[in-house]
C-alpha atoms as a PDB file:
ATOM      1  CA  MET A   1      98.115 173.664 151.713  1.00  0.00           C
ATOM      2  CA  LYS A   2     100.715 172.568 149.174  1.00  0.00           C
ATOM      3  CA  ILE A   3     102.688 170.756 151.877  1.00  0.00           C
ATOM      4  CA  LYS A   4      99.530 169.009 153.110  1.00  0.00           C
ATOM      5  CA  ASN A   5      98.661 167.975 149.554  1.00  0.00           C
ATOM      6  CA  LEU A   6     102.155 166.626 149.012  1.00  0.00           C
ATOM      7  CA  LEU A   7     101.985 164.686 152.267  1.00  0.00           C
ATOM      8  CA  LEU A   8      98.587 163.291 151.307  1.00  0.00           C
ATOM      9  CA  ALA A   9      99.852 162.296 147.875  1.00  0.00           C
ATOM     10  CA  ALA A  10     102.881 160.640 149.458  1.00  0.00           C
ATOM     11  CA  LEU A  11     100.669 158.675 151.833  1.00  0.00           C
ATOM     12  CA  VAL A  12      98.400 157.528 148.985  1.00  0.00           C
ATOM     13  CA  PHE A  13     101.424 156.546 146.876  1.00  0.00           C
ATOM     14  CA  SER A  14     102.937 154.666 149.807  1.00  0.00           C
ATOM     15  CA  ALA A  15      99.685 152.860 150.550  1.00  0.00           C
ATOM     16  CA  GLY A  16      99.371 151.878 146.888  1.00  0.00           C
ATOM     17  CA  ASN A  17     102.912 150.545 146.826  1.00  0.00           C
ATOM     18  CA  ASN A  18     102.340 148.601 150.026  1.00  0.00           C
ATOM     19  CA  LEU A  19      99.184 147.067 148.537  1.00  0.00           C
ATOM     20  CA  LEU A  20     101.073 146.019 145.404  1.00  0.00           C
ATOM     21  CA  LEU A  21     103.865 144.540 147.510  1.00  0.00           C
ATOM     22  CA  ALA A  22     101.334 142.655 149.607  1.00  0.00           C
ATOM     23  CA  GLN A  23      99.685 141.280 146.475  1.00  0.00           C
ATOM     24  CA  LYS A  24     103.034 140.276 144.991  1.00  0.00           C
ATOM     25  CA  GLY A  25     103.984 138.732 148.299  1.00  0.00           C
ATOM     26  CA  LYS A  26     101.011 136.368 148.511  1.00  0.00           C
ATOM     27  CA  GLN A  27     102.058 132.785 149.077  1.00  0.00           C
ATOM     28  CA  LEU A  28     101.601 130.368 146.204  1.00  0.00           C
ATOM     29  CA  PHE A  29     100.634 127.734 148.792  1.00  0.00           C
ATOM     30  CA  PRO A  30      98.892 129.448 151.734  1.00  0.00           C
ATOM     31  CA  GLU A  31      98.085 125.935 153.003  1.00  0.00           C
ATOM     32  CA  MET A  32     100.457 123.006 152.737  1.00  0.00           C
ATOM     33  CA  PRO A  33      99.879 120.486 149.943  1.00  0.00           C
ATOM     34  CA  GLY A  34      99.097 116.887 150.803  1.00  0.00           C
ATOM     35  CA  MET A  35     101.498 113.984 151.260  1.00  0.00           C
ATOM     36  CA  VAL A  36     101.926 110.715 149.388  1.00  0.00           C
ATOM     37  CA  SER A  37     101.964 107.871 151.893  1.00  0.00           C
ATOM     38  CA  TYR A  38     104.867 106.280 149.986  1.00  0.00           C
ATOM     39  CA  THR A  39     107.143 108.998 151.362  1.00  0.00           C
ATOM     40  CA  TYR A  40     106.574 107.669 154.907  1.00  0.00           C
ATOM     41  CA  ARG A  41     106.045 104.035 153.857  1.00  0.00           C
ATOM     42  CA  SER A  42     108.503 102.538 156.349  1.00  0.00           C
ATOM     43  CA  SER A  43     107.231 104.581 159.273  1.00  0.00           C
ATOM     44  CA  LEU A  44     103.559 104.054 158.413  1.00  0.00           C
ATOM     45  CA  SER A  45     104.138 100.296 158.239  1.00  0.00           C
ATOM     46  CA  LYS A  46     105.639 100.277 161.746  1.00  0.00           C
ATOM     47  CA  ASN A  47     103.224 102.632 163.507  1.00  0.00           C
ATOM     48  CA  THR A  48     100.522 104.235 161.404  1.00  0.00           C
ATOM     49  CA  ALA A  49      98.974 106.282 164.204  1.00  0.00           C
ATOM     50  CA  VAL A  50     102.236 107.852 165.400  1.00  0.00           C
ATOM     51  CA  THR A  51     103.279 108.617 161.821  1.00  0.00           C
ATOM     52  CA  LEU A  52      99.975 110.357 161.152  1.00  0.00           C
ATOM     53  CA  ASP A  53     100.582 112.396 164.318  1.00  0.00           C
ATOM     54  CA  THR A  54     103.967 113.421 162.888  1.00  0.00           C
ATOM     55  CA  LEU A  55     102.400 114.414 159.579  1.00  0.00           C
ATOM     56  CA  LYS A  56      99.675 116.383 161.310  1.00  0.00           C
ATOM     57  CA  GLY A  57     102.384 118.161 163.314  1.00  0.00           C
ATOM     58  CA  LEU A  58     104.022 119.181 160.040  1.00  0.00           C
ATOM     59  CA  GLY A  59     100.750 120.723 158.893  1.00  0.00           C
ATOM     60  CA  ILE A  60      99.720 117.940 156.521  1.00  0.00           C
ATOM     61  CA  LYS A  61      95.953 117.458 156.311  1.00  0.00           C
ATOM     62  CA  ASP A  62      95.516 115.708 152.959  1.00  0.00           C
ATOM     63  CA  MET A  63      96.850 112.231 152.157  1.00  0.00           C
ATOM     64  CA  GLU A  64      97.176 110.057 149.096  1.00  0.00           C
ATOM     65  CA  PHE A  65      97.408 106.462 150.277  1.00  0.00           C
ATOM     66  CA  SER A  66      98.996 103.814 148.078  1.00  0.00           C
ATOM     67  CA  SER A  67      98.670 101.135 150.765  1.00  0.00           C
ATOM     68  CA  LEU A  68      96.380 100.357 153.688  1.00  0.00           C
ATOM     69  CA  PHE A  69      99.425  99.402 155.791  1.00  0.00           C
ATOM     70  CA  GLY A  70      97.884  96.218 157.151  1.00  0.00           C
ATOM     71  CA  LYS A  71      94.650  97.899 158.215  1.00  0.00           C
ATOM     72  CA  THR A  72      91.155  97.908 156.825  1.00  0.00           C
ATOM     73  CA  ALA A  73      89.990 101.011 154.993  1.00  0.00           C
ATOM     74  CA  ALA A  74      87.595 101.696 157.867  1.00  0.00           C
ATOM     75  CA  GLU A  75      90.393 101.481 160.465  1.00  0.00           C
ATOM     76  CA  LEU A  76      92.573 103.858 158.459  1.00  0.00           C
ATOM     77  CA  ARG A  77      89.673 106.265 157.966  1.00  0.00           C
ATOM     78  CA  LYS A  78      89.072 106.296 161.737  1.00  0.00           C
ATOM     79  CA  LEU A  79      92.710 107.270 162.363  1.00  0.00           C
ATOM     80  CA  LEU A  80      92.405 110.097 159.843  1.00  0.00           C
ATOM     81  CA  ASP A  81      89.099 111.348 161.257  1.00  0.00           C
ATOM     82  CA  GLU A  82      90.518 111.431 164.779  1.00  0.00           C
ATOM     83  CA  ARG A  83      93.240 113.788 163.557  1.00  0.00           C
ATOM     84  CA  GLY A  84      91.131 115.995 161.318  1.00  0.00           C
ATOM     85  CA  MET A  85      92.919 114.606 158.251  1.00  0.00           C
ATOM     86  CA  LYS A  86      91.546 113.242 154.984  1.00  0.00           C
ATOM     87  CA  CYS A  87      92.420 110.887 152.154  1.00  0.00           C
ATOM     88  CA  SER A  88      91.631 112.433 148.771  1.00  0.00           C
ATOM     89  CA  SER A  89      93.240 109.792 146.531  1.00  0.00           C
ATOM     90  CA  PHE A  90      93.722 106.034 146.821  1.00  0.00           C
ATOM     91  CA  GLY A  91      96.520 104.399 144.832  1.00  0.00           C
ATOM     92  CA  VAL A  92      96.291 100.757 143.732  1.00  0.00           C
ATOM     93  CA  SER A  93      98.085  98.469 141.292  1.00  0.00           C
ATOM     94  CA  TYR A  94      97.030  98.022 137.665  1.00  0.00           C
ATOM     95  CA  GLU A  95      95.948  94.461 138.434  1.00  0.00           C
ATOM     96  CA  GLN A  96      93.833  95.543 141.400  1.00  0.00           C
ATOM     97  CA  ALA A  97      92.158  98.325 139.448  1.00  0.00           C
ATOM     98  CA  LEU A  98      91.372  95.989 136.553  1.00  0.00           C
ATOM     99  CA  ASN A  99      90.403  92.772 138.343  1.00  0.00           C
ATOM    100  CA  LYS A 100      89.261  93.966 141.776  1.00  0.00           C
ATOM    101  CA  THR A 101      87.508  97.171 140.740  1.00  0.00           C
ATOM    102  CA  LYS A 102      84.577  96.686 143.131  1.00  0.00           C
ATOM    103  CA  GLU A 103      86.847  96.138 146.152  1.00  0.00           C
ATOM    104  CA  VAL A 104      89.006  99.108 145.129  1.00  0.00           C
ATOM    105  CA  GLY A 105      85.961 101.331 144.743  1.00  0.00           C
ATOM    106  CA  GLU A 106      84.543 100.287 148.117  1.00  0.00           C
ATOM    107  CA  ASN A 107      87.855 100.933 149.885  1.00  0.00           C
ATOM    108  CA  ALA A 108      88.260 104.310 148.215  1.00  0.00           C
ATOM    109  CA  LYS A 109      84.759 105.379 149.258  1.00  0.00           C
ATOM    110  CA  THR A 110      85.355 104.187 152.834  1.00  0.00           C
ATOM    111  CA  LEU A 111      88.573 106.214 152.966  1.00  0.00           C
ATOM    112  CA  GLY A 112      86.674 109.251 151.727  1.00  0.00           C
ATOM    113  CA  ALA A 113      88.735 109.504 148.537  1.00  0.00           C
ATOM    114  CA  LYS A 114      87.464 111.107 145.336  1.00  0.00           C
ATOM    115  CA  PHE A 115      90.196 109.638 143.156  1.00  0.00           C
ATOM    116  CA  VAL A 116      91.627 106.191 142.428  1.00  0.00           C
ATOM    117  CA  ARG A 117      95.137 106.183 140.992  1.00  0.00           C
ATOM    118  CA  VAL A 118      97.320 103.669 139.145  1.00  0.00           C
ATOM    119  CA  ALA A 119     101.028 104.500 138.800  1.00  0.00           C
ATOM    120  CA  TRP A 120     102.534 101.660 136.768  1.00  0.00           C
ATOM    121  CA  VAL A 121     101.571  99.656 133.693  1.00  0.00           C
ATOM    122  CA  PRO A 122     103.248  96.210 133.796  1.00  0.00           C
ATOM    123  CA  HIS A 123     105.359  95.744 130.668  1.00  0.00           C
ATOM    124  CA  LYS A 124     108.586  94.141 129.497  1.00  0.00           C
ATOM    125  CA  GLY A 125     111.199  96.094 127.571  1.00  0.00           C
ATOM    126  CA  ALA A 126     110.183  99.287 125.810  1.00  0.00           C
ATOM    127  CA  PHE A 127     106.656 100.575 126.202  1.00  0.00           C
ATOM    128  CA  THR A 128     105.026 100.068 122.776  1.00  0.00           C
ATOM    129  CA  VAL A 129     102.001 101.461 120.964  1.00  0.00           C
ATOM    130  CA  GLN A 130     100.421  97.996 121.188  1.00  0.00           C
ATOM    131  CA  LYS A 131     100.813  98.091 124.971  1.00  0.00           C
ATOM    132  CA  ALA A 132      99.470 101.633 124.998  1.00  0.00           C
ATOM    133  CA  ASP A 133      96.363 100.489 123.074  1.00  0.00           C
ATOM    134  CA  SER A 134      95.567  97.711 125.561  1.00  0.00           C
ATOM    135  CA  THR A 135      96.233 100.114 128.430  1.00  0.00           C
ATOM    136  CA  ILE A 136      93.836 102.683 126.958  1.00  0.00           C
ATOM    137  CA  ALA A 137      91.084 100.061 126.657  1.00  0.00           C
ATOM    138  CA  ASP A 138      91.626  98.918 130.246  1.00  0.00           C
ATOM    139  CA  PHE A 139      91.733 102.461 131.603  1.00  0.00           C
ATOM    140  CA  ASN A 140      88.477 103.387 129.868  1.00  0.00           C
ATOM    141  CA  ALA A 141      86.786 100.285 131.320  1.00  0.00           C
ATOM    142  CA  ILE A 142      88.178 100.831 134.837  1.00  0.00           C
ATOM    143  CA  GLY A 143      87.304 104.513 134.792  1.00  0.00           C
ATOM    144  CA  LYS A 144      83.743 103.902 133.608  1.00  0.00           C
ATOM    145  CA  LYS A 145      83.065 101.330 136.315  1.00  0.00           C
ATOM    146  CA  LEU A 146      84.541 103.514 139.074  1.00  0.00           C
ATOM    147  CA  LYS A 147      82.565 106.538 137.879  1.00  0.00           C
ATOM    148  CA  ASP A 148      79.246 104.787 137.259  1.00  0.00           C
ATOM    149  CA  GLU A 149      79.217 102.570 140.356  1.00  0.00           C
ATOM    150  CA  PHE A 150      81.087 104.681 142.908  1.00  0.00           C
ATOM    151  CA  GLY A 151      81.228 108.263 141.610  1.00  0.00           C
ATOM    152  CA  LEU A 152      85.039 108.108 141.655  1.00  0.00           C
ATOM    153  CA  THR A 153      87.515 109.613 139.196  1.00  0.00           C
ATOM    154  CA  PHE A 154      90.214 107.295 137.853  1.00  0.00           C
ATOM    155  CA  CYS A 155      93.682 108.791 137.323  1.00  0.00           C
ATOM    156  CA  TYR A 156      96.825 107.445 135.687  1.00  0.00           C
ATOM    157  CA  HIS A 157     100.159 108.578 137.145  1.00  0.00           C
ATOM    158  CA  ASN A 158     102.909 108.834 134.514  1.00  0.00           C
ATOM    159  CA  HIS A 159     106.178 107.038 135.235  1.00  0.00           C
ATOM    160  CA  GLY A 160     108.520 107.994 132.407  1.00  0.00           C
ATOM    161  CA  TYR A 161     108.409 105.025 130.022  1.00  0.00           C
ATOM    162  CA  GLU A 162     105.323 106.491 128.265  1.00  0.00           C
ATOM    163  CA  PHE A 163     107.478 109.242 126.738  1.00  0.00           C
ATOM    164  CA  GLU A 164     108.627 106.991 123.883  1.00  0.00           C
ATOM    165  CA  LYS A 165     108.355 108.965 120.652  1.00  0.00           C
ATOM    166  CA  HIS A 166     105.182 108.333 118.683  1.00  0.00           C
ATOM    167  CA  GLU A 167     103.993 110.168 115.552  1.00  0.00           C
ATOM    168  CA  ASP A 168     104.306 113.905 116.293  1.00  0.00           C
ATOM    169  CA  GLY A 169     104.492 113.448 120.055  1.00  0.00           C
ATOM    170  CA  THR A 170     104.911 110.660 122.595  1.00  0.00           C
ATOM    171  CA  LEU A 171     102.937 107.653 123.779  1.00  0.00           C
ATOM    172  CA  MET A 172     101.949 109.792 126.769  1.00  0.00           C
ATOM    173  CA  ASP A 173     100.240 112.180 124.340  1.00  0.00           C
ATOM    174  CA  TYR A 174      98.663 109.175 122.648  1.00  0.00           C
ATOM    175  CA  ILE A 175      97.242 107.825 125.923  1.00  0.00           C
ATOM    176  CA  ILE A 176      95.879 111.214 126.946  1.00  0.00           C
ATOM    177  CA  LYS A 177      94.204 111.739 123.561  1.00  0.00           C
ATOM    178  CA  LYS A 178      92.770 108.225 123.248  1.00  0.00           C
ATOM    179  CA  THR A 179      91.350 107.796 126.753  1.00  0.00           C
ATOM    180  CA  ASP A 180      87.819 109.000 127.418  1.00  0.00           C
ATOM    181  CA  PRO A 181      87.994 112.262 129.413  1.00  0.00           C
ATOM    182  CA  ASN A 182      84.655 111.370 131.026  1.00  0.00           C
ATOM    183  CA  TYR A 183      86.285 108.376 132.709  1.00  0.00           C
ATOM    184  CA  VAL A 184      90.053 108.853 132.695  1.00  0.00           C
ATOM    185  CA  SER A 185      92.079 111.699 134.183  1.00  0.00           C
ATOM    186  CA  PHE A 186      95.758 111.960 135.100  1.00  0.00           C
ATOM    187  CA  GLU A 187      98.122 112.564 137.960  1.00  0.00           C
ATOM    188  CA  LEU A 188     101.248 114.408 136.868  1.00  0.00           C
ATOM    189  CA  ASP A 189     104.421 113.223 138.556  1.00  0.00           C
ATOM    190  CA  ILE A 190     106.701 116.095 137.643  1.00  0.00           C
ATOM    191  CA  LEU A 191     109.938 114.138 138.148  1.00  0.00           C
ATOM    192  CA  TRP A 192     108.710 111.282 135.958  1.00  0.00           C
ATOM    193  CA  ALA A 193     107.720 113.758 133.261  1.00  0.00           C
ATOM    194  CA  PHE A 194     111.096 115.546 133.366  1.00  0.00           C
ATOM    195  CA  PHE A 195     113.311 112.419 133.699  1.00  0.00           C
ATOM    196  CA  PRO A 196     112.477 111.000 130.224  1.00  0.00           C
ATOM    197  CA  GLY A 197     112.891 114.410 128.593  1.00  0.00           C
ATOM    198  CA  GLY A 198     109.348 115.757 128.913  1.00  0.00           C
ATOM    199  CA  ASP A 199     108.192 119.211 129.953  1.00  0.00           C
ATOM    200  CA  PRO A 200     105.909 119.118 133.029  1.00  0.00           C
ATOM    201  CA  ALA A 201     104.747 122.726 132.653  1.00  0.00           C
ATOM    202  CA  GLY A 202     104.225 122.185 128.932  1.00  0.00           C
ATOM    203  CA  LEU A 203     102.032 119.145 129.555  1.00  0.00           C
ATOM    204  CA  LEU A 204      99.825 121.122 131.931  1.00  0.00           C
ATOM    205  CA  THR A 205      99.506 123.900 129.374  1.00  0.00           C
ATOM    206  CA  LYS A 206      98.804 121.468 126.526  1.00  0.00           C
ATOM    207  CA  TYR A 207      96.212 119.452 128.474  1.00  0.00           C
ATOM    208  CA  PRO A 208      94.878 121.908 131.075  1.00  0.00           C
ATOM    209  CA  THR A 209      91.780 119.899 132.016  1.00  0.00           C
ATOM    210  CA  ARG A 210      93.119 116.317 131.996  1.00  0.00           C
ATOM    211  CA  PHE A 211      95.462 116.494 134.992  1.00  0.00           C
ATOM    212  CA  LYS A 212      93.652 116.487 138.358  1.00  0.00           C
ATOM    213  CA  LEU A 213      96.446 115.464 140.760  1.00  0.00           C
ATOM    214  CA  MET A 214     100.160 116.218 141.053  1.00  0.00           C
ATOM    215  CA  HIS A 215     103.195 114.630 142.694  1.00  0.00           C
ATOM    216  CA  MET A 216     105.792 117.259 143.577  1.00  0.00           C
ATOM    217  CA  LYS A 217     109.364 116.002 143.682  1.00  0.00           C
ATOM    218  CA  ASP A 218     112.785 117.050 142.394  1.00  0.00           C
ATOM    219  CA  LEU A 219     115.703 115.270 140.711  1.00  0.00           C
ATOM    220  CA  ARG A 220     119.268 115.471 141.950  1.00  0.00           C
ATOM    221  CA  LYS A 221     121.503 117.741 139.867  1.00  0.00           C
ATOM    222  CA  GLY A 222     123.786 115.931 137.447  1.00  0.00           C
ATOM    223  CA  VAL A 223     121.540 112.879 137.061  1.00  0.00           C
ATOM    224  CA  GLU A 224     120.758 112.057 133.430  1.00  0.00           C
ATOM    225  CA  GLY A 225     117.319 110.741 132.585  1.00  0.00           C
ATOM    226  CA  ASN A 226     116.086 107.947 130.333  1.00  0.00           C
ATOM    227  CA  LEU A 227     112.917 106.032 129.421  1.00  0.00           C
ATOM    228  CA  SER A 228     113.291 103.242 131.981  1.00  0.00           C
ATOM    229  CA  GLY A 229     110.813 104.615 134.504  1.00  0.00           C
ATOM    230  CA  GLY A 230     113.330 104.067 137.275  1.00  0.00           C
ATOM    231  CA  THR A 231     116.186 105.801 139.087  1.00  0.00           C
ATOM    232  CA  PRO A 232     117.755 105.210 142.524  1.00  0.00           C
ATOM    233  CA  VAL A 233     115.565 106.650 145.287  1.00  0.00           C
ATOM    234  CA  THR A 234     118.560 108.643 146.522  1.00  0.00           C
ATOM    235  CA  ASN A 235     118.124 110.828 143.430  1.00  0.00           C
ATOM    236  CA  ASP A 236     114.976 112.351 144.972  1.00  0.00           C
ATOM    237  CA  VAL A 237     115.954 115.658 146.573  1.00  0.00           C
ATOM    238  CA  ALA A 238     114.122 118.464 148.368  1.00  0.00           C
ATOM    239  CA  LEU A 239     112.100 120.728 146.097  1.00  0.00           C
ATOM    240  CA  GLY A 240     114.102 123.651 144.776  1.00  0.00           C
ATOM    241  CA  THR A 241     117.484 121.930 145.159  1.00  0.00           C
ATOM    242  CA  GLY A 242     117.371 119.810 142.000  1.00  0.00           C
ATOM    243  CA  GLN A 243     117.015 120.164 138.242  1.00  0.00           C
ATOM    244  CA  LEU A 244     113.320 120.953 137.845  1.00  0.00           C
ATOM    245  CA  ASP A 245     111.996 124.485 137.367  1.00  0.00           C
ATOM    246  CA  ILE A 246     109.519 124.189 140.231  1.00  0.00           C
ATOM    247  CA  PRO A 247     108.117 127.771 140.094  1.00  0.00           C
ATOM    248  CA  ALA A 248     107.342 127.484 136.364  1.00  0.00           C
ATOM    249  CA  ILE A 249     105.651 124.110 136.834  1.00  0.00           C
ATOM    250  CA  LEU A 250     103.557 125.275 139.781  1.00  0.00           C
ATOM    251  CA  LYS A 251     102.480 128.453 137.999  1.00  0.00           C
ATOM    252  CA  ALA A 252     101.274 126.315 135.077  1.00  0.00           C
ATOM    253  CA  ALA A 253      99.549 123.969 137.530  1.00  0.00           C
ATOM    254  CA  LYS A 254      97.671 126.833 139.167  1.00  0.00           C
ATOM    255  CA  LYS A 255      96.155 127.646 135.737  1.00  0.00           C
ATOM    256  CA  SER A 256      95.197 124.014 135.089  1.00  0.00           C
ATOM    257  CA  GLY A 257      92.642 121.604 136.516  1.00  0.00           C
ATOM    258  CA  ILE A 258      94.905 120.300 139.304  1.00  0.00           C
ATOM    259  CA  GLU A 259      92.784 119.766 142.432  1.00  0.00           C
ATOM    260  CA  HIS A 260      95.279 118.144 144.799  1.00  0.00           C
ATOM    261  CA  TYR A 261      99.027 118.587 145.180  1.00  0.00           C
ATOM    262  CA  TYR A 262     101.066 115.980 147.036  1.00  0.00           C
ATOM    263  CA  ILE A 263     104.651 116.050 148.253  1.00  0.00           C
ATOM    264  CA  GLU A 264     106.492 112.842 147.406  1.00  0.00           C
ATOM    265  CA  ASP A 265     110.043 112.032 148.446  1.00  0.00           C
ATOM    266  CA  GLU A 266     111.133 108.437 147.895  1.00  0.00           C
ATOM    267  CA  SER A 267     114.618 108.923 149.355  1.00  0.00           C
ATOM    268  CA  PRO A 268     115.826 107.568 152.712  1.00  0.00           C
ATOM    269  CA  SER A 269     116.524 111.206 153.653  1.00  0.00           C
ATOM    270  CA  TYR A 270     112.826 112.141 153.649  1.00  0.00           C
ATOM    271  CA  ALA A 271     112.828 113.083 157.349  1.00  0.00           C
ATOM    272  CA  THR A 272     115.178 115.991 156.669  1.00  0.00           C
ATOM    273  CA  GLN A 273     114.185 116.695 153.064  1.00  0.00           C
ATOM    274  CA  VAL A 274     110.425 116.991 153.617  1.00  0.00           C
ATOM    275  CA  PRO A 275     110.810 119.957 156.025  1.00  0.00           C
ATOM    276  CA  GLN A 276     113.165 121.552 153.467  1.00  0.00           C
ATOM    277  CA  THR A 277     110.553 121.061 150.769  1.00  0.00           C
ATOM    278  CA  MET A 278     107.826 122.546 152.931  1.00  0.00           C
ATOM    279  CA  ALA A 279     109.949 125.592 153.787  1.00  0.00           C
ATOM    280  CA  TYR A 280     110.663 126.064 150.083  1.00  0.00           C
ATOM    281  CA  LEU A 281     106.968 125.892 149.176  1.00  0.00           C
ATOM    282  CA  LYS A 282     106.141 128.444 151.876  1.00  0.00           C
ATOM    283  CA  SER A 283     108.723 130.789 150.363  1.00  0.00           C
ATOM    284  CA  LEU A 284     107.154 130.732 146.892  1.00  0.00           C
ATOM    285  CA  LYS A 285     105.088 133.767 145.946  1.00  0.00           C
ATOM    286  CA  LYS A 286     102.448 134.231 143.292  1.00  0.00           C
END
């Protein structure tokens, strides 16, 4: 009897350990994140349909488009529908969002997007508090119109220059605090938060409900950042091979309000780096 009891106890202990290992071994991304169209901008411009086939073959189902690539929104939507893919976010310029809000909203709805995103505020020299104030007013107006007329959520994508010091934080903090959360949300580009000296994971923890979208990209080792909002595209590297602490950022993101994750790789080596990034994401465990 004692031997049977010991065997039973051993089996229970083993099963418990296996369950714990299985839980620890759960993938952080059981399904692949989406893709920013800018990664495949050259290919999409030449042959949109074939490029979408390539992306589908990689397991990509969700797209953020920052261009219609010479097509109408309806034509692009048809290509997505035929492949069982979707567009969740539509990126436009500041000028388009401000002065062509109705057209932007109509295109976003046709694409099936829930979000409209702007990634750059036109400015000369350093980004100032005066520029931030006018930006805040514009964002609140754009966001209200998109929400009220189209049911869309407006998001601003940081680009680095907003991390100028201001009071006890940065102008990025200032913009987040001063914009109306009913009408303005944010897309965190983790490289463009890290490059100017910011903390991507810290931002998600500090403002857990304001960020709805995320661009996942990594910065080449040895590259020093600044507040310019620009760096050579060759400094984009596959996730997990650069300077950013990707696991820490993604763990913070999973506790935040992020709804869509997108891979972005601006480098000319995207064809080889994107598969590396995807393999890395598949290897990450909770």
